[in-house]
Amino acid sequence: MTYEDIQEVLTQKNFENYVMEGVFYSQTIIDIFQEKTVDVFFLFGYDASTKIIYQPFARIAIDSKEKTLAYYYESDEKPFDITLPEDFISKIPYDETYKEWLDLYGECYCKIREFVFQPNITDEQKIIISDYLQAFDNIIDDELKPFYFELSPEFWEWLKNAC
């Protein structure tokens, strides 16, 4: 399963009530839900004319292999602990370098899914985690990182301990 395959699950017909046309979704983060590995996103609005990114309004987790919904929470049900600055615009240039980092992020993400939450990892796996974290730092604004950390605190704790 590729990173694009995981993202495409969100655009399938059975998710149209959650990810409607015009809604944007974050990069995905790994989580465990009911003893299964799931892919978690936050949903947000974006104004293409002003480039303003709006406060995430929901979180959604999918079982990408089964192409089913694991859970969906709107912000009023499960609010984020932080808020974006008003009229937030990303400072990251969406250029060729960004695309290279994004490709590396997706590649490492899929590899990590294969050994996520294992207690003992190899040196090769540590390199994959290191590359993943470096890619994450290069494609995600600092203001958005706390939202990612909230999606799966266990994942970030595991990454920290794994390195």
Protein backbone atom coordinates (compact mmCIF):
# COMPACT_ATOMS: atom_id res chain seq x y z
CA MET A 1 0.00 0.00 0.00
CA THR A 2 1.41 3.39 -0.99
CA TYR A 3 0.95 6.71 0.76
CA GLU A 4 -1.24 7.83 -2.14
CA ASP A 5 -3.42 4.72 -1.68
CA ILE A 6 -3.96 5.68 1.95
CA GLN A 7 -4.91 9.25 1.03
CA GLU A 8 -7.23 8.08 -1.75
CA VAL A 9 -9.34 6.16 0.74
CA LEU A 10 -10.56 9.52 2.05
CA THR A 11 -11.88 10.50 -1.37
CA GLN A 12 -13.99 7.38 -1.82
CA LYS A 13 -17.74 7.56 -1.89
CA ASN A 14 -18.26 6.04 1.57
CA PHE A 15 -16.35 8.97 3.12
CA GLU A 16 -18.16 11.79 1.30
CA ASN A 17 -20.18 12.67 4.43
CA TYR A 18 -16.94 13.33 6.30
CA VAL A 19 -14.57 14.69 3.67
CA MET A 20 -16.81 16.83 1.51
CA GLU A 21 -15.72 18.59 -1.62
CA GLY A 22 -13.65 21.64 -0.75
CA VAL A 23 -12.41 20.19 2.55
CA PHE A 24 -8.68 19.76 2.97
CA TYR A 25 -6.97 17.08 4.99
CA SER A 26 -3.61 16.92 6.71
CA GLN A 27 -0.79 14.51 6.12
CA THR A 28 -1.58 11.25 7.84
CA ILE A 29 -0.32 10.02 11.19
CA ILE A 30 -0.27 6.45 12.48
CA ASP A 31 -2.40 5.50 15.46
CA ILE A 32 -3.77 2.38 17.10
CA PHE A 33 -7.54 2.09 17.49
CA GLN A 34 -9.17 -1.06 18.82
CA GLU A 35 -5.88 -2.92 18.41
CA LYS A 36 -5.59 -2.02 14.71
CA THR A 37 -3.21 0.32 12.96
CA VAL A 38 -5.18 3.25 11.56
CA ASP A 39 -4.31 6.37 9.61
CA VAL A 40 -5.41 9.62 11.22
CA PHE A 41 -5.93 13.02 9.61
CA PHE A 42 -7.32 16.37 10.66
CA LEU A 43 -9.70 18.23 8.38
CA PHE A 44 -9.51 21.96 7.77
CA GLY A 45 -10.54 24.74 5.46
CA TYR A 46 -8.28 26.61 3.07
CA ASP A 47 -8.94 29.74 1.04
CA ALA A 48 -6.97 29.47 -2.21
CA SER A 49 -7.32 33.17 -3.02
CA THR A 50 -5.93 34.40 0.32
CA LYS A 51 -3.92 31.25 1.14
CA ILE A 52 -5.34 31.30 4.66
CA ILE A 53 -5.45 27.97 6.47
CA TYR A 54 -8.35 27.71 8.90
CA GLN A 55 -8.53 25.99 12.27
CA PRO A 56 -8.94 22.21 11.94
CA PHE A 57 -12.57 21.29 12.54
CA ALA A 58 -12.43 17.50 12.78
CA ARG A 59 -10.24 14.44 13.08
CA ILE A 60 -10.82 11.27 11.15
CA ALA A 61 -9.19 7.85 11.38
CA ILE A 62 -9.48 5.21 8.71
CA ASP A 63 -8.56 1.59 8.39
CA SER A 64 -6.83 1.94 5.04
CA LYS A 65 -6.59 -1.77 4.40
CA GLU A 66 -10.31 -2.36 4.96
CA LYS A 67 -11.23 1.08 3.57
CA THR A 68 -13.49 1.72 6.53
CA LEU A 69 -13.99 4.48 9.06
CA ALA A 70 -12.37 3.89 12.43
CA TYR A 71 -13.66 7.12 13.98
CA TYR A 72 -14.66 10.69 13.23
CA TYR A 73 -14.79 13.51 15.76
CA GLU A 74 -15.78 17.09 15.11
CA SER A 75 -13.96 19.68 17.16
CA ASP A 76 -16.92 20.25 19.44
CA GLU A 77 -16.83 16.53 20.40
CA LYS A 78 -13.06 16.29 20.73
CA PRO A 79 -11.50 19.75 20.55
CA PHE A 80 -7.87 20.41 19.81
CA ASP A 81 -5.90 21.89 22.70
CA ILE A 82 -4.45 24.67 20.55
CA THR A 83 -5.62 27.11 17.92
CA LEU A 84 -4.03 28.48 14.80
CA PRO A 85 -3.06 32.13 14.65
CA GLU A 86 -5.75 34.21 12.97
CA ASP A 87 -5.31 34.48 9.19
CA PHE A 88 -2.58 31.84 9.23
CA ILE A 89 -0.66 31.40 5.98
CA SER A 90 1.93 28.67 5.54
CA LYS A 91 5.51 29.85 5.31
CA ILE A 92 6.65 26.68 3.57
CA PRO A 93 7.36 27.15 -0.14
CA TYR A 94 5.55 24.55 -2.23
CA ASP A 95 8.42 24.06 -4.66
CA GLU A 96 10.45 21.12 -5.97
CA THR A 97 12.31 20.76 -2.67
CA TYR A 98 8.98 20.54 -0.85
CA LYS A 99 7.81 17.85 -3.27
CA GLU A 100 10.99 15.83 -2.63
CA TRP A 101 10.48 16.06 1.14
CA LEU A 102 6.80 15.14 0.72
CA ASP A 103 7.74 12.07 -1.32
CA LEU A 104 10.24 11.03 1.34
CA TYR A 105 7.60 11.55 4.05
CA GLY A 106 5.16 9.25 2.26
CA GLU A 107 7.80 6.63 1.55
CA CYS A 108 9.01 6.55 5.16
CA TYR A 109 5.46 6.63 6.51
CA CYS A 110 4.57 3.42 4.67
CA LYS A 111 7.75 1.71 5.85
CA ILE A 112 7.13 2.77 9.46
CA ARG A 113 3.58 1.36 9.30
CA GLU A 114 5.19 -2.08 8.92
CA PHE A 115 7.02 -1.91 12.27
CA VAL A 116 5.19 0.81 14.19
CA PHE A 117 4.93 0.40 17.97
CA GLN A 118 7.38 -2.51 18.03
CA PRO A 119 9.62 -2.31 21.11
CA ASN A 120 12.90 -3.28 19.46
CA ILE A 121 13.84 -1.78 16.13
CA THR A 122 16.89 -2.21 13.93
CA ASP A 123 19.45 0.42 13.00
CA GLU A 124 17.95 0.47 9.50
CA GLN A 125 14.51 1.21 10.97
CA LYS A 126 16.02 4.00 13.09
CA ILE A 127 17.32 5.59 9.88
CA ILE A 128 13.83 5.41 8.36
CA ILE A 129 12.41 7.10 11.47
CA SER A 130 15.10 9.77 11.33
CA ASP A 131 14.35 10.44 7.65
CA TYR A 132 10.61 10.56 8.43
CA LEU A 133 11.11 13.12 11.21
CA GLN A 134 13.35 15.25 9.00
CA ALA A 135 10.77 15.17 6.20
CA PHE A 136 8.01 16.05 8.69
CA ASP A 137 10.00 19.08 9.86
CA ASN A 138 10.43 20.24 6.27
CA ILE A 139 6.83 19.91 5.09
CA ILE A 140 4.85 20.95 8.18
CA ASP A 141 4.68 24.48 9.58
CA ASP A 142 5.59 24.85 13.24
CA GLU A 143 2.11 26.25 13.91
CA LEU A 144 0.50 23.05 12.57
CA LYS A 145 2.78 20.53 14.31
CA PRO A 146 0.82 20.55 17.61
CA PHE A 147 -2.27 19.37 15.73
CA TYR A 148 -0.30 16.41 14.41
CA PHE A 149 1.02 15.65 17.89
CA GLU A 150 -2.56 15.58 19.22
CA LEU A 151 -3.72 13.13 16.55
CA SER A 152 -1.64 10.33 18.04
CA PRO A 153 0.45 11.15 21.13
CA GLU A 154 1.36 7.47 21.40
CA PHE A 155 2.93 7.51 17.94
CA TRP A 156 5.10 10.52 18.72
CA GLU A 157 6.14 9.02 22.06
CA TRP A 158 7.08 5.79 20.32
CA LEU A 159 9.10 7.68 17.69
CA LYS A 160 10.95 9.59 20.38
CA ASN A 161 11.76 6.41 22.32
CA ALA A 162 12.69 4.50 19.15
CA CYS A 163 15.42 6.98 18.30
